[in-house]
């Protein structure tokens, strides 16, 4: 039998913790294994419980959800972090993605939507509520992520599946320069791998539709 997806929930509102505990209790394939009142406790419980997915509220006292996501990504890279929040503003979305969050879900989402996003995040897919995607599309993603012209050129070639050596030949840069640029692109997009960086770039509209 397939093991359930182990979920940790961190939220400083007891009613949210209780509500999601009740809602997720009988969902097939989902096991809520821990509850945290703040980001610091979430990090401690990640160390103790090793969940698959951590659902993190953003606005928490002390260590907030974005700080917790950064710490979890650094200390436990196999744990997916998903922000569960009431806010869909550009600043928080950008900070969450930069922190390595695998998803950004609004609290008004239905439990079915939340469950589907947990499953998708666990599978490695970047997930966002429709309202969050709309908020991203209202801005200028290239400006938001401050990619240089060189980085944009390299990112477009990454989308085509070229490796560092092939990119170096295309843009006439040294392999060391390309490697450094790829590392910077991953950092700016909050991605752990080239594949994830490409997925985020496509999702955020950073790639020209005519890229090839």
C-alpha atoms as a PDB file:
ATOM      1  CA  UNK A   1       0.000   0.000   0.000  1.00  0.00           C
ATOM      2  CA  UNK A   2       1.299   3.468  -0.886  1.00  0.00           C
ATOM      3  CA  UNK A   3       2.420   5.476   2.116  1.00  0.00           C
ATOM      4  CA  UNK A   4       0.365   8.627   2.788  1.00  0.00           C
ATOM      5  CA  UNK A   5       1.848  12.074   2.253  1.00  0.00           C
ATOM      6  CA  UNK A   6       2.967  13.255   5.690  1.00  0.00           C
ATOM      7  CA  UNK A   7       1.926  16.870   6.277  1.00  0.00           C
ATOM      8  CA  UNK A   8       2.989  19.370   8.925  1.00  0.00           C
ATOM      9  CA  UNK A   9       0.812  22.459   9.494  1.00  0.00           C
ATOM     10  CA  UNK A  10       2.117  25.696  11.026  1.00  0.00           C
ATOM     11  CA  UNK A  11      -0.357  28.482  11.817  1.00  0.00           C
ATOM     12  CA  UNK A  12      -0.629  30.786  14.799  1.00  0.00           C
ATOM     13  CA  UNK A  13      -4.439  30.696  14.742  1.00  0.00           C
ATOM     14  CA  UNK A  14      -5.881  27.773  16.683  1.00  0.00           C
ATOM     15  CA  UNK A  15      -9.102  27.835  14.677  1.00  0.00           C
ATOM     16  CA  UNK A  16      -7.140  27.299  11.449  1.00  0.00           C
ATOM     17  CA  UNK A  17      -5.171  24.422  12.956  1.00  0.00           C
ATOM     18  CA  UNK A  18      -8.321  22.792  14.283  1.00  0.00           C
ATOM     19  CA  UNK A  19     -10.246  23.347  11.052  1.00  0.00           C
ATOM     20  CA  UNK A  20      -7.589  21.817   8.821  1.00  0.00           C
ATOM     21  CA  UNK A  21      -7.010  18.966  11.257  1.00  0.00           C
ATOM     22  CA  UNK A  22     -10.689  18.109  10.993  1.00  0.00           C
ATOM     23  CA  UNK A  23     -10.831  18.620   7.210  1.00  0.00           C
ATOM     24  CA  UNK A  24      -7.750  16.506   6.456  1.00  0.00           C
ATOM     25  CA  UNK A  25      -8.521  13.737   8.955  1.00  0.00           C
ATOM     26  CA  UNK A  26     -10.206  11.327   6.555  1.00  0.00           C
ATOM     27  CA  UNK A  27      -8.604  12.387   3.269  1.00  0.00           C
ATOM     28  CA  UNK A  28      -7.132   9.312   1.557  1.00  0.00           C
ATOM     29  CA  UNK A  29      -3.385   9.462   1.094  1.00  0.00           C
ATOM     30  CA  UNK A  30      -2.885  12.425   3.449  1.00  0.00           C
ATOM     31  CA  UNK A  31      -1.652  12.161   7.041  1.00  0.00           C
ATOM     32  CA  UNK A  32      -1.419  15.297   9.208  1.00  0.00           C
ATOM     33  CA  UNK A  33       1.501  14.376  11.446  1.00  0.00           C
ATOM     34  CA  UNK A  34       2.199  17.616  13.307  1.00  0.00           C
ATOM     35  CA  UNK A  35       0.911  21.061  14.272  1.00  0.00           C
ATOM     36  CA  UNK A  36       3.042  24.125  14.994  1.00  0.00           C
ATOM     37  CA  UNK A  37       2.096  27.539  16.375  1.00  0.00           C
ATOM     38  CA  UNK A  38       4.986  29.423  14.751  1.00  0.00           C
ATOM     39  CA  UNK A  39       7.863  29.065  12.341  1.00  0.00           C
ATOM     40  CA  UNK A  40      10.447  28.093  14.936  1.00  0.00           C
ATOM     41  CA  UNK A  41       8.263  25.232  16.146  1.00  0.00           C
ATOM     42  CA  UNK A  42       7.659  24.198  12.533  1.00  0.00           C
ATOM     43  CA  UNK A  43      11.406  23.856  11.958  1.00  0.00           C
ATOM     44  CA  UNK A  44      11.809  21.837  15.171  1.00  0.00           C
ATOM     45  CA  UNK A  45       8.966  19.525  14.188  1.00  0.00           C
ATOM     46  CA  UNK A  46      10.400  19.091  10.696  1.00  0.00           C
ATOM     47  CA  UNK A  47      13.578  17.815  12.321  1.00  0.00           C
ATOM     48  CA  UNK A  48      11.612  15.529  14.637  1.00  0.00           C
ATOM     49  CA  UNK A  49       8.864  14.262  12.308  1.00  0.00           C
ATOM     50  CA  UNK A  50      10.419  14.528   8.841  1.00  0.00           C
ATOM     51  CA  UNK A  51       7.140  15.345   7.029  1.00  0.00           C
ATOM     52  CA  UNK A  52       6.879  15.296   3.257  1.00  0.00           C
ATOM     53  CA  UNK A  53       5.125  18.672   3.008  1.00  0.00           C
ATOM     54  CA  UNK A  54       5.054  21.621   5.433  1.00  0.00           C
ATOM     55  CA  UNK A  55       2.046  23.947   5.125  1.00  0.00           C
ATOM     56  CA  UNK A  56       3.191  27.303   6.501  1.00  0.00           C
ATOM     57  CA  UNK A  57       1.198  30.402   7.349  1.00  0.00           C
ATOM     58  CA  UNK A  58       3.166  33.524   6.404  1.00  0.00           C
ATOM     59  CA  UNK A  59       2.170  35.937   9.163  1.00  0.00           C
ATOM     60  CA  UNK A  60       3.367  34.320  12.397  1.00  0.00           C
ATOM     61  CA  UNK A  61       5.075  35.920  15.385  1.00  0.00           C
ATOM     62  CA  UNK A  62       8.766  35.313  15.873  1.00  0.00           C
ATOM     63  CA  UNK A  63       9.943  33.207  12.948  1.00  0.00           C
ATOM     64  CA  UNK A  64       7.402  33.783  10.158  1.00  0.00           C
ATOM     65  CA  UNK A  65       6.472  31.349   7.417  1.00  0.00           C
ATOM     66  CA  UNK A  66       8.910  32.692   4.842  1.00  0.00           C
ATOM     67  CA  UNK A  67      11.816  32.526   7.284  1.00  0.00           C
ATOM     68  CA  UNK A  68      10.725  29.015   8.259  1.00  0.00           C
ATOM     69  CA  UNK A  69      10.610  27.979   4.594  1.00  0.00           C
ATOM     70  CA  UNK A  70      14.188  29.211   4.122  1.00  0.00           C
ATOM     71  CA  UNK A  71      15.374  27.299   7.189  1.00  0.00           C
ATOM     72  CA  UNK A  72      13.532  24.121   6.187  1.00  0.00           C
ATOM     73  CA  UNK A  73      14.899  24.294   2.649  1.00  0.00           C
ATOM     74  CA  UNK A  74      18.425  24.702   4.017  1.00  0.00           C
ATOM     75  CA  UNK A  75      18.229  22.017   6.709  1.00  0.00           C
ATOM     76  CA  UNK A  76      15.791  19.529   5.177  1.00  0.00           C
ATOM     77  CA  UNK A  77      15.952  19.858   1.374  1.00  0.00           C
ATOM     78  CA  UNK A  78      13.618  16.909   0.732  1.00  0.00           C
ATOM     79  CA  UNK A  79      10.710  18.556   2.588  1.00  0.00           C
ATOM     80  CA  UNK A  80       8.395  20.570   0.321  1.00  0.00           C
ATOM     81  CA  UNK A  81       7.140  23.859   1.743  1.00  0.00           C
ATOM     82  CA  UNK A  82       3.801  25.377   0.750  1.00  0.00           C
ATOM     83  CA  UNK A  83       2.616  28.782   1.927  1.00  0.00           C
ATOM     84  CA  UNK A  84      -0.989  28.863   3.175  1.00  0.00           C
ATOM     85  CA  UNK A  85      -1.997  32.471   3.611  1.00  0.00           C
ATOM     86  CA  UNK A  86      -4.635  35.153   3.226  1.00  0.00           C
ATOM     87  CA  UNK A  87      -2.311  37.442   1.274  1.00  0.00           C
ATOM     88  CA  UNK A  88      -1.732  37.456  -2.495  1.00  0.00           C
ATOM     89  CA  UNK A  89       0.453  40.543  -2.851  1.00  0.00           C
ATOM     90  CA  UNK A  90       3.511  40.610  -5.095  1.00  0.00           C
ATOM     91  CA  UNK A  91       6.018  41.139  -2.305  1.00  0.00           C
ATOM     92  CA  UNK A  92       5.018  38.097  -0.257  1.00  0.00           C
ATOM     93  CA  UNK A  93       4.726  35.881  -3.343  1.00  0.00           C
ATOM     94  CA  UNK A  94       8.222  36.862  -4.493  1.00  0.00           C
ATOM     95  CA  UNK A  95       9.665  36.302  -1.019  1.00  0.00           C
ATOM     96  CA  UNK A  96       8.020  32.895  -0.768  1.00  0.00           C
ATOM     97  CA  UNK A  97       9.348  31.763  -4.153  1.00  0.00           C
ATOM     98  CA  UNK A  98      12.810  33.056  -3.289  1.00  0.00           C
ATOM     99  CA  UNK A  99      12.620  31.080  -0.031  1.00  0.00           C
ATOM    100  CA  UNK A 100      12.074  27.928  -2.071  1.00  0.00           C
ATOM    101  CA  UNK A 101       8.360  27.443  -1.475  1.00  0.00           C
ATOM    102  CA  UNK A 102       6.875  24.770  -3.721  1.00  0.00           C
ATOM    103  CA  UNK A 103       3.418  26.338  -3.559  1.00  0.00           C
ATOM    104  CA  UNK A 104       1.392  29.375  -2.535  1.00  0.00           C
ATOM    105  CA  UNK A 105      -2.224  28.725  -1.548  1.00  0.00           C
ATOM    106  CA  UNK A 106      -4.831  31.164  -0.288  1.00  0.00           C
ATOM    107  CA  UNK A 107      -6.762  30.145   2.806  1.00  0.00           C
ATOM    108  CA  UNK A 108     -10.075  30.696   1.057  1.00  0.00           C
ATOM    109  CA  UNK A 109      -9.287  27.752  -1.226  1.00  0.00           C
ATOM    110  CA  UNK A 110     -11.544  24.724  -0.812  1.00  0.00           C
ATOM    111  CA  UNK A 111     -10.202  21.735   1.079  1.00  0.00           C
ATOM    112  CA  UNK A 112     -10.265  19.819  -2.196  1.00  0.00           C
ATOM    113  CA  UNK A 113      -8.024  22.460  -3.796  1.00  0.00           C
ATOM    114  CA  UNK A 114      -5.673  22.400  -0.810  1.00  0.00           C
ATOM    115  CA  UNK A 115      -5.432  18.608  -0.956  1.00  0.00           C
ATOM    116  CA  UNK A 116      -4.758  18.667  -4.702  1.00  0.00           C
ATOM    117  CA  UNK A 117      -2.035  21.261  -4.213  1.00  0.00           C
ATOM    118  CA  UNK A 118      -0.438  19.251  -1.404  1.00  0.00           C
ATOM    119  CA  UNK A 119      -0.288  16.253  -3.729  1.00  0.00           C
ATOM    120  CA  UNK A 120       1.106  18.304  -6.605  1.00  0.00           C
ATOM    121  CA  UNK A 121       3.729  19.973  -4.403  1.00  0.00           C
ATOM    122  CA  UNK A 122       4.766  16.578  -3.056  1.00  0.00           C
ATOM    123  CA  UNK A 123       5.196  15.416  -6.660  1.00  0.00           C
ATOM    124  CA  UNK A 124       7.524  18.343  -7.313  1.00  0.00           C
ATOM    125  CA  UNK A 125       5.131  20.636  -9.180  1.00  0.00           C
ATOM    126  CA  UNK A 126       5.034  24.341  -8.390  1.00  0.00           C
ATOM    127  CA  UNK A 127       1.450  25.046  -7.250  1.00  0.00           C
ATOM    128  CA  UNK A 128      -0.427  28.303  -6.814  1.00  0.00           C
ATOM    129  CA  UNK A 129      -3.989  29.429  -6.238  1.00  0.00           C
ATOM    130  CA  UNK A 130      -5.549  31.040  -9.335  1.00  0.00           C
ATOM    131  CA  UNK A 131      -5.629  34.396  -7.504  1.00  0.00           C
ATOM    132  CA  UNK A 132      -1.893  34.137  -6.900  1.00  0.00           C
ATOM    133  CA  UNK A 133      -1.186  33.403 -10.560  1.00  0.00           C
ATOM    134  CA  UNK A 134      -3.311  36.431 -11.480  1.00  0.00           C
ATOM    135  CA  UNK A 135      -1.338  38.625  -9.063  1.00  0.00           C
ATOM    136  CA  UNK A 136       1.930  37.466 -10.643  1.00  0.00           C
ATOM    137  CA  UNK A 137       0.656  38.167 -14.154  1.00  0.00           C
ATOM    138  CA  UNK A 138      -0.243  41.736 -13.197  1.00  0.00           C
ATOM    139  CA  UNK A 139       3.419  42.555 -12.604  1.00  0.00           C
ATOM    140  CA  UNK A 140       6.563  42.521 -14.692  1.00  0.00           C
ATOM    141  CA  UNK A 141       8.256  39.230 -13.778  1.00  0.00           C
ATOM    142  CA  UNK A 142      11.608  40.139 -15.355  1.00  0.00           C
ATOM    143  CA  UNK A 143      11.757  43.293 -13.290  1.00  0.00           C
ATOM    144  CA  UNK A 144      10.548  41.521 -10.153  1.00  0.00           C
ATOM    145  CA  UNK A 145      13.290  38.905 -10.278  1.00  0.00           C
ATOM    146  CA  UNK A 146      15.964  41.350 -11.497  1.00  0.00           C
ATOM    147  CA  UNK A 147      17.414  38.968 -14.074  1.00  0.00           C
ATOM    148  CA  UNK A 148      20.209  40.525 -16.102  1.00  0.00           C
ATOM    149  CA  UNK A 149      20.190  40.397 -19.899  1.00  0.00           C
ATOM    150  CA  UNK A 150      22.883  37.706 -19.746  1.00  0.00           C
ATOM    151  CA  UNK A 151      20.803  35.651 -17.312  1.00  0.00           C
ATOM    152  CA  UNK A 152      17.702  35.988 -19.475  1.00  0.00           C
ATOM    153  CA  UNK A 153      19.640  34.713 -22.516  1.00  0.00           C
ATOM    154  CA  UNK A 154      20.985  31.764 -20.544  1.00  0.00           C
ATOM    155  CA  UNK A 155      17.564  31.015 -19.048  1.00  0.00           C
ATOM    156  CA  UNK A 156      16.050  30.808 -22.531  1.00  0.00           C
ATOM    157  CA  UNK A 157      18.720  28.288 -23.529  1.00  0.00           C
ATOM    158  CA  UNK A 158      18.100  26.304 -20.317  1.00  0.00           C
ATOM    159  CA  UNK A 159      14.457  26.025 -21.379  1.00  0.00           C
ATOM    160  CA  UNK A 160      15.642  24.468 -24.650  1.00  0.00           C
ATOM    161  CA  UNK A 161      17.426  21.792 -22.613  1.00  0.00           C
ATOM    162  CA  UNK A 162      21.002  22.896 -23.311  1.00  0.00           C
ATOM    163  CA  UNK A 163      23.683  22.010 -20.769  1.00  0.00           C
ATOM    164  CA  UNK A 164      26.324  24.462 -19.536  1.00  0.00           C
ATOM    165  CA  UNK A 165      28.861  23.533 -22.227  1.00  0.00           C
ATOM    166  CA  UNK A 166      26.294  23.949 -25.003  1.00  0.00           C
ATOM    167  CA  UNK A 167      25.114  27.263 -23.535  1.00  0.00           C
ATOM    168  CA  UNK A 168      28.723  28.505 -23.365  1.00  0.00           C
ATOM    169  CA  UNK A 169      29.125  27.765 -27.074  1.00  0.00           C
ATOM    170  CA  UNK A 170      25.901  29.601 -27.917  1.00  0.00           C
ATOM    171  CA  UNK A 171      26.541  32.772 -25.903  1.00  0.00           C
ATOM    172  CA  UNK A 172      30.338  32.794 -26.289  1.00  0.00           C
ATOM    173  CA  UNK A 173      30.956  32.898 -22.546  1.00  0.00           C
ATOM    174  CA  UNK A 174      33.320  30.651 -20.608  1.00  0.00           C
ATOM    175  CA  UNK A 175      31.872  27.567 -18.948  1.00  0.00           C
ATOM    176  CA  UNK A 176      32.744  29.065 -15.547  1.00  0.00           C
ATOM    177  CA  UNK A 177      30.759  32.204 -16.397  1.00  0.00           C
ATOM    178  CA  UNK A 178      27.759  30.145 -17.510  1.00  0.00           C
ATOM    179  CA  UNK A 179      27.949  27.968 -14.398  1.00  0.00           C
ATOM    180  CA  UNK A 180      27.980  31.061 -12.181  1.00  0.00           C
ATOM    181  CA  UNK A 181      25.085  32.595 -14.088  1.00  0.00           C
ATOM    182  CA  UNK A 182      23.004  29.411 -13.810  1.00  0.00           C
ATOM    183  CA  UNK A 183      23.630  29.351 -10.057  1.00  0.00           C
ATOM    184  CA  UNK A 184      22.493  32.975  -9.796  1.00  0.00           C
ATOM    185  CA  UNK A 185      19.360  32.249 -11.864  1.00  0.00           C
ATOM    186  CA  UNK A 186      18.449  29.377  -9.542  1.00  0.00           C
ATOM    187  CA  UNK A 187      18.978  31.605  -6.507  1.00  0.00           C
ATOM    188  CA  UNK A 188      16.867  34.452  -7.897  1.00  0.00           C
ATOM    189  CA  UNK A 189      14.022  32.114  -8.853  1.00  0.00           C
ATOM    190  CA  UNK A 190      14.166  30.194  -5.578  1.00  0.00           C
ATOM    191  CA  UNK A 191      14.838  26.961  -7.464  1.00  0.00           C
ATOM    192  CA  UNK A 192      16.822  23.948  -6.310  1.00  0.00           C
ATOM    193  CA  UNK A 193      17.477  22.435  -9.733  1.00  0.00           C
ATOM    194  CA  UNK A 194      17.653  23.511 -13.382  1.00  0.00           C
ATOM    195  CA  UNK A 195      14.378  21.678 -14.058  1.00  0.00           C
ATOM    196  CA  UNK A 196      12.645  23.529 -11.235  1.00  0.00           C
ATOM    197  CA  UNK A 197      14.080  26.846 -12.442  1.00  0.00           C
ATOM    198  CA  UNK A 198      12.679  26.229 -15.917  1.00  0.00           C
ATOM    199  CA  UNK A 199       9.284  25.290 -14.455  1.00  0.00           C
ATOM    200  CA  UNK A 200       9.190  28.450 -12.342  1.00  0.00           C
ATOM    201  CA  UNK A 201      10.301  30.616 -15.254  1.00  0.00           C
ATOM    202  CA  UNK A 202       7.594  29.210 -17.504  1.00  0.00           C
ATOM    203  CA  UNK A 203       4.961  29.546 -14.798  1.00  0.00           C
ATOM    204  CA  UNK A 204       5.923  33.171 -14.106  1.00  0.00           C
ATOM    205  CA  UNK A 205       6.036  34.109 -17.761  1.00  0.00           C
ATOM    206  CA  UNK A 206       9.764  34.824 -17.793  1.00  0.00           C
ATOM    207  CA  UNK A 207      10.218  33.044 -21.125  1.00  0.00           C
ATOM    208  CA  UNK A 208       9.269  34.541 -24.473  1.00  0.00           C
ATOM    209  CA  UNK A 209       6.688  32.336 -26.212  1.00  0.00           C
ATOM    210  CA  UNK A 210       8.935  32.480 -29.272  1.00  0.00           C
ATOM    211  CA  UNK A 211      11.944  31.083 -27.423  1.00  0.00           C
ATOM    212  CA  UNK A 212      12.125  28.150 -29.730  1.00  0.00           C
END
